[in-house]
Amino acid sequence: MQDGIAFSERNFFKNLLSEEEIRELAGYASVSEIFSWHSPAVKKLGADPASMGDDGLIELMLKEPRLIRRPLFRVGAKLIIGASPDSLANL
């Protein structure tokens, strides 16, 4: 609990997300919204994510968790993606 708010924290580099969990997150936002398009890992993998559908993007995120945008906050039925002041204001 921090500042009176109960939460659970997960380091998904140490505790990887499963395909099912990524698809569940995509139920709150689109796969493309949780994919980190500008991550250096995209170039490192030599992939062209712009030509991929959701399944291809999920496969890349499973191989390389750095391709999942961070932080992710799930509050009830809402998913807040990223740490920009605008997204954090939605908490």
N, C-alpha and C. Protein backbone atom coordinates (compact mmCIF):
# COMPACT_ATOMS: atom_id res chain seq x y z
N MET A 1 0.86 -1.17 0.00
CA MET A 1 0.00 0.00 0.00
C MET A 1 0.90 1.23 0.00
N GLN A 2 0.57 2.17 -0.85
CA GLN A 2 1.32 3.42 -0.92
C GLN A 2 0.33 4.57 -1.03
N ASP A 3 0.49 5.57 -0.18
CA ASP A 3 -0.41 6.72 -0.16
C ASP A 3 -1.87 6.29 -0.07
N GLY A 4 -2.12 5.23 0.71
CA GLY A 4 -3.49 4.76 0.92
C GLY A 4 -4.07 3.97 -0.23
N ILE A 5 -3.25 3.64 -1.22
CA ILE A 5 -3.74 2.89 -2.39
C ILE A 5 -3.08 1.52 -2.40
N ALA A 6 -3.91 0.49 -2.41
CA ALA A 6 -3.39 -0.88 -2.48
C ALA A 6 -3.08 -1.20 -3.95
N PHE A 7 -1.93 -1.83 -4.17
CA PHE A 7 -1.57 -2.20 -5.53
C PHE A 7 -0.64 -3.40 -5.49
N SER A 8 -0.49 -4.06 -6.63
CA SER A 8 0.51 -5.11 -6.75
C SER A 8 1.45 -4.70 -7.87
N GLU A 9 2.71 -4.97 -7.66
CA GLU A 9 3.75 -4.59 -8.61
C GLU A 9 4.35 -5.86 -9.20
N ARG A 10 4.67 -5.81 -10.48
CA ARG A 10 5.25 -6.98 -11.13
C ARG A 10 6.37 -6.53 -12.06
N ASN A 11 7.51 -7.13 -11.91
CA ASN A 11 8.63 -6.89 -12.81
C ASN A 11 8.54 -7.96 -13.90
N PHE A 12 8.03 -7.59 -15.08
CA PHE A 12 7.85 -8.63 -16.07
C PHE A 12 9.10 -8.93 -16.89
N PHE A 13 10.24 -8.46 -16.41
CA PHE A 13 11.51 -8.95 -16.95
C PHE A 13 11.93 -10.19 -16.16
N LYS A 14 11.58 -10.20 -14.87
CA LYS A 14 11.90 -11.34 -14.02
C LYS A 14 10.76 -12.36 -14.00
N ASN A 15 9.53 -11.87 -14.07
CA ASN A 15 8.34 -12.71 -14.03
C ASN A 15 7.57 -12.45 -15.33
N LEU A 16 7.98 -13.13 -16.39
CA LEU A 16 7.47 -12.86 -17.74
C LEU A 16 5.96 -13.00 -17.84
N LEU A 17 5.38 -12.17 -18.70
CA LEU A 17 3.95 -12.29 -18.99
C LEU A 17 3.74 -13.46 -19.94
N SER A 18 2.65 -14.16 -19.75
CA SER A 18 2.29 -15.24 -20.66
C SER A 18 1.51 -14.65 -21.84
N GLU A 19 1.34 -15.46 -22.86
CA GLU A 19 0.53 -15.03 -24.00
C GLU A 19 -0.88 -14.67 -23.54
N GLU A 20 -1.43 -15.48 -22.66
CA GLU A 20 -2.77 -15.23 -22.13
C GLU A 20 -2.84 -13.89 -21.41
N GLU A 21 -1.82 -13.57 -20.63
CA GLU A 21 -1.81 -12.29 -19.90
C GLU A 21 -1.69 -11.10 -20.85
N ILE A 22 -0.88 -11.23 -21.89
CA ILE A 22 -0.76 -10.15 -22.87
C ILE A 22 -2.10 -9.95 -23.58
N ARG A 23 -2.74 -11.04 -23.94
CA ARG A 23 -4.05 -10.94 -24.60
C ARG A 23 -5.10 -10.32 -23.65
N GLU A 24 -4.99 -10.65 -22.37
CA GLU A 24 -5.91 -10.05 -21.39
C GLU A 24 -5.69 -8.53 -21.32
N LEU A 25 -4.43 -8.10 -21.27
CA LEU A 25 -4.14 -6.66 -21.28
C LEU A 25 -4.67 -6.01 -22.55
N ALA A 26 -4.55 -6.72 -23.66
CA ALA A 26 -5.03 -6.19 -24.94
C ALA A 26 -6.55 -6.08 -24.95
N GLY A 27 -7.22 -6.72 -24.02
CA GLY A 27 -8.66 -6.57 -23.89
C GLY A 27 -9.04 -5.21 -23.31
N TYR A 28 -8.10 -4.57 -22.64
CA TYR A 28 -8.32 -3.24 -22.06
C TYR A 28 -7.85 -2.13 -23.00
N ALA A 29 -6.94 -2.47 -23.89
CA ALA A 29 -6.40 -1.55 -24.90
C ALA A 29 -6.02 -2.44 -26.08
N SER A 30 -5.65 -1.88 -27.18
CA SER A 30 -5.27 -2.71 -28.32
C SER A 30 -3.84 -3.23 -28.16
N VAL A 31 -3.54 -4.31 -28.88
CA VAL A 31 -2.18 -4.85 -28.86
C VAL A 31 -1.20 -3.77 -29.31
N SER A 32 -1.58 -3.02 -30.32
CA SER A 32 -0.68 -1.98 -30.83
C SER A 32 -0.43 -0.87 -29.80
N GLU A 33 -1.36 -0.65 -28.88
CA GLU A 33 -1.16 0.36 -27.84
C GLU A 33 -0.17 -0.11 -26.77
N ILE A 34 -0.12 -1.41 -26.52
CA ILE A 34 0.81 -1.90 -25.49
C ILE A 34 2.17 -2.28 -26.08
N PHE A 35 2.28 -2.28 -27.40
CA PHE A 35 3.55 -2.58 -28.07
C PHE A 35 4.43 -1.34 -28.07
N SER A 36 5.69 -1.50 -27.72
CA SER A 36 6.63 -0.37 -27.66
C SER A 36 7.31 -0.21 -29.03
N TRP A 37 6.66 0.56 -29.88
CA TRP A 37 7.09 0.73 -31.27
C TRP A 37 8.48 1.33 -31.40
N HIS A 38 8.88 2.17 -30.47
CA HIS A 38 10.15 2.88 -30.59
C HIS A 38 11.28 2.25 -29.78
N SER A 39 11.04 1.05 -29.27
CA SER A 39 12.07 0.37 -28.50
C SER A 39 13.25 -0.01 -29.40
N PRO A 40 14.49 0.19 -28.91
CA PRO A 40 15.65 -0.27 -29.68
C PRO A 40 15.62 -1.78 -29.93
N ALA A 41 14.87 -2.51 -29.12
CA ALA A 41 14.77 -3.97 -29.29
C ALA A 41 14.12 -4.34 -30.62
N VAL A 42 13.29 -3.47 -31.17
CA VAL A 42 12.65 -3.75 -32.47
C VAL A 42 13.74 -3.89 -33.53
N LYS A 43 14.63 -2.93 -33.57
CA LYS A 43 15.72 -2.95 -34.56
C LYS A 43 16.64 -4.14 -34.30
N LYS A 44 16.91 -4.40 -33.02
CA LYS A 44 17.81 -5.49 -32.64
C LYS A 44 17.28 -6.84 -33.13
N LEU A 45 15.96 -7.02 -33.09
CA LEU A 45 15.36 -8.27 -33.55
C LEU A 45 15.29 -8.37 -35.07
N GLY A 46 15.48 -7.24 -35.74
CA GLY A 46 15.40 -7.24 -37.20
C GLY A 46 13.99 -7.49 -37.70
N ALA A 47 13.01 -7.14 -36.90
CA ALA A 47 11.61 -7.39 -37.25
C ALA A 47 10.99 -6.15 -37.87
N ASP A 48 9.92 -6.36 -38.60
CA ASP A 48 9.14 -5.25 -39.17
C ASP A 48 7.74 -5.32 -38.56
N PRO A 49 7.57 -4.80 -37.34
CA PRO A 49 6.29 -4.92 -36.66
C PRO A 49 5.14 -4.23 -37.39
N ALA A 50 5.45 -3.22 -38.20
CA ALA A 50 4.39 -2.50 -38.91
C ALA A 50 3.67 -3.41 -39.90
N SER A 51 4.33 -4.48 -40.32
CA SER A 51 3.71 -5.40 -41.27
C SER A 51 3.04 -6.59 -40.57
N MET A 52 3.03 -6.58 -39.24
CA MET A 52 2.49 -7.71 -38.47
C MET A 52 1.12 -7.39 -37.91
N GLY A 53 0.35 -8.43 -37.74
CA GLY A 53 -0.93 -8.31 -37.05
C GLY A 53 -0.72 -8.51 -35.56
N ASP A 54 -1.82 -8.57 -34.84
CA ASP A 54 -1.76 -8.73 -33.38
C ASP A 54 -0.97 -9.96 -32.96
N ASP A 55 -1.20 -11.09 -33.63
CA ASP A 55 -0.51 -12.32 -33.24
C ASP A 55 1.01 -12.18 -33.37
N GLY A 56 1.46 -11.54 -34.44
CA GLY A 56 2.89 -11.32 -34.64
C GLY A 56 3.48 -10.41 -33.59
N LEU A 57 2.74 -9.34 -33.24
CA LEU A 57 3.22 -8.41 -32.21
C LEU A 57 3.31 -9.11 -30.86
N ILE A 58 2.31 -9.92 -30.55
CA ILE A 58 2.32 -10.66 -29.28
C ILE A 58 3.50 -11.62 -29.25
N GLU A 59 3.76 -12.29 -30.36
CA GLU A 59 4.89 -13.21 -30.43
C GLU A 59 6.20 -12.48 -30.15
N LEU A 60 6.35 -11.28 -30.72
CA LEU A 60 7.56 -10.48 -30.45
C LEU A 60 7.65 -10.09 -28.98
N MET A 61 6.52 -9.69 -28.37
CA MET A 61 6.53 -9.30 -26.96
C MET A 61 6.86 -10.48 -26.06
N LEU A 62 6.45 -11.68 -26.46
CA LEU A 62 6.80 -12.87 -25.68
C LEU A 62 8.29 -13.16 -25.76
N LYS A 63 8.89 -12.93 -26.93
CA LYS A 63 10.33 -13.16 -27.11
C LYS A 63 11.15 -12.08 -26.41
N GLU A 64 10.65 -10.85 -26.45
CA GLU A 64 11.41 -9.71 -25.93
C GLU A 64 10.49 -8.80 -25.12
N PRO A 65 10.47 -8.96 -23.79
CA PRO A 65 9.57 -8.17 -22.95
C PRO A 65 9.81 -6.66 -23.00
N ARG A 66 10.97 -6.23 -23.50
CA ARG A 66 11.19 -4.79 -23.64
C ARG A 66 10.25 -4.17 -24.67
N LEU A 67 9.60 -5.00 -25.44
CA LEU A 67 8.65 -4.51 -26.45
C LEU A 67 7.27 -4.24 -25.86
N ILE A 68 7.11 -4.47 -24.56
CA ILE A 68 5.86 -4.15 -23.87
C ILE A 68 6.04 -2.77 -23.24
N ARG A 69 5.16 -1.85 -23.58
CA ARG A 69 5.26 -0.49 -23.03
C ARG A 69 5.14 -0.54 -21.52
N ARG A 70 5.88 0.34 -20.87
CA ARG A 70 5.89 0.40 -19.43
C ARG A 70 5.81 1.85 -18.99
N PRO A 71 5.34 2.06 -17.82
CA PRO A 71 4.62 1.12 -16.95
C PRO A 71 3.19 0.90 -17.44
N LEU A 72 2.61 -0.16 -16.96
CA LEU A 72 1.19 -0.46 -17.20
C LEU A 72 0.49 -0.44 -15.86
N PHE A 73 -0.60 0.28 -15.78
CA PHE A 73 -1.43 0.33 -14.57
C PHE A 73 -2.82 -0.13 -14.94
N ARG A 74 -3.28 -1.17 -14.29
CA ARG A 74 -4.67 -1.58 -14.50
C ARG A 74 -5.46 -1.17 -13.28
N VAL A 75 -6.44 -0.33 -13.51
CA VAL A 75 -7.30 0.17 -12.44
C VAL A 75 -8.72 -0.21 -12.82
N GLY A 76 -9.24 -1.23 -12.14
CA GLY A 76 -10.57 -1.71 -12.51
C GLY A 76 -10.57 -2.20 -13.94
N ALA A 77 -11.46 -1.64 -14.75
CA ALA A 77 -11.57 -2.04 -16.15
C ALA A 77 -10.79 -1.11 -17.08
N LYS A 78 -9.86 -0.35 -16.51
CA LYS A 78 -9.12 0.64 -17.30
C LYS A 78 -7.63 0.29 -17.27
N LEU A 79 -6.97 0.41 -18.42
CA LEU A 79 -5.53 0.19 -18.50
C LEU A 79 -4.87 1.52 -18.83
N ILE A 80 -3.95 1.95 -17.97
CA ILE A 80 -3.19 3.17 -18.19
C ILE A 80 -1.82 2.73 -18.69
N ILE A 81 -1.42 3.26 -19.84
CA ILE A 81 -0.18 2.84 -20.49
C ILE A 81 0.81 4.00 -20.51
N GLY A 82 2.00 3.76 -19.98
CA GLY A 82 3.04 4.78 -20.01
C GLY A 82 3.00 5.69 -18.80
N ALA A 83 4.04 6.51 -18.70
CA ALA A 83 4.17 7.38 -17.53
C ALA A 83 4.10 8.86 -17.90
N SER A 84 3.44 9.16 -19.01
CA SER A 84 3.31 10.58 -19.36
C SER A 84 2.36 11.25 -18.37
N PRO A 85 2.51 12.54 -18.16
CA PRO A 85 1.61 13.24 -17.24
C PRO A 85 0.13 13.05 -17.61
N ASP A 86 -0.17 13.01 -18.90
CA ASP A 86 -1.56 12.82 -19.33
C ASP A 86 -2.09 11.45 -18.92
N SER A 87 -1.29 10.39 -19.15
CA SER A 87 -1.76 9.06 -18.80
C SER A 87 -1.86 8.89 -17.29
N LEU A 88 -0.92 9.46 -16.55
CA LEU A 88 -0.97 9.34 -15.09
C LEU A 88 -2.12 10.14 -14.49
N ALA A 89 -2.53 11.19 -15.15
CA ALA A 89 -3.68 11.97 -14.67
C ALA A 89 -4.95 11.14 -14.71
N ASN A 90 -4.98 10.09 -15.55
CA ASN A 90 -6.15 9.22 -15.65
C ASN A 90 -6.26 8.23 -14.51
N LEU A 91 -5.21 8.15 -13.68
CA LEU A 91 -5.28 7.27 -12.52
C LEU A 91 -6.24 7.87 -11.54
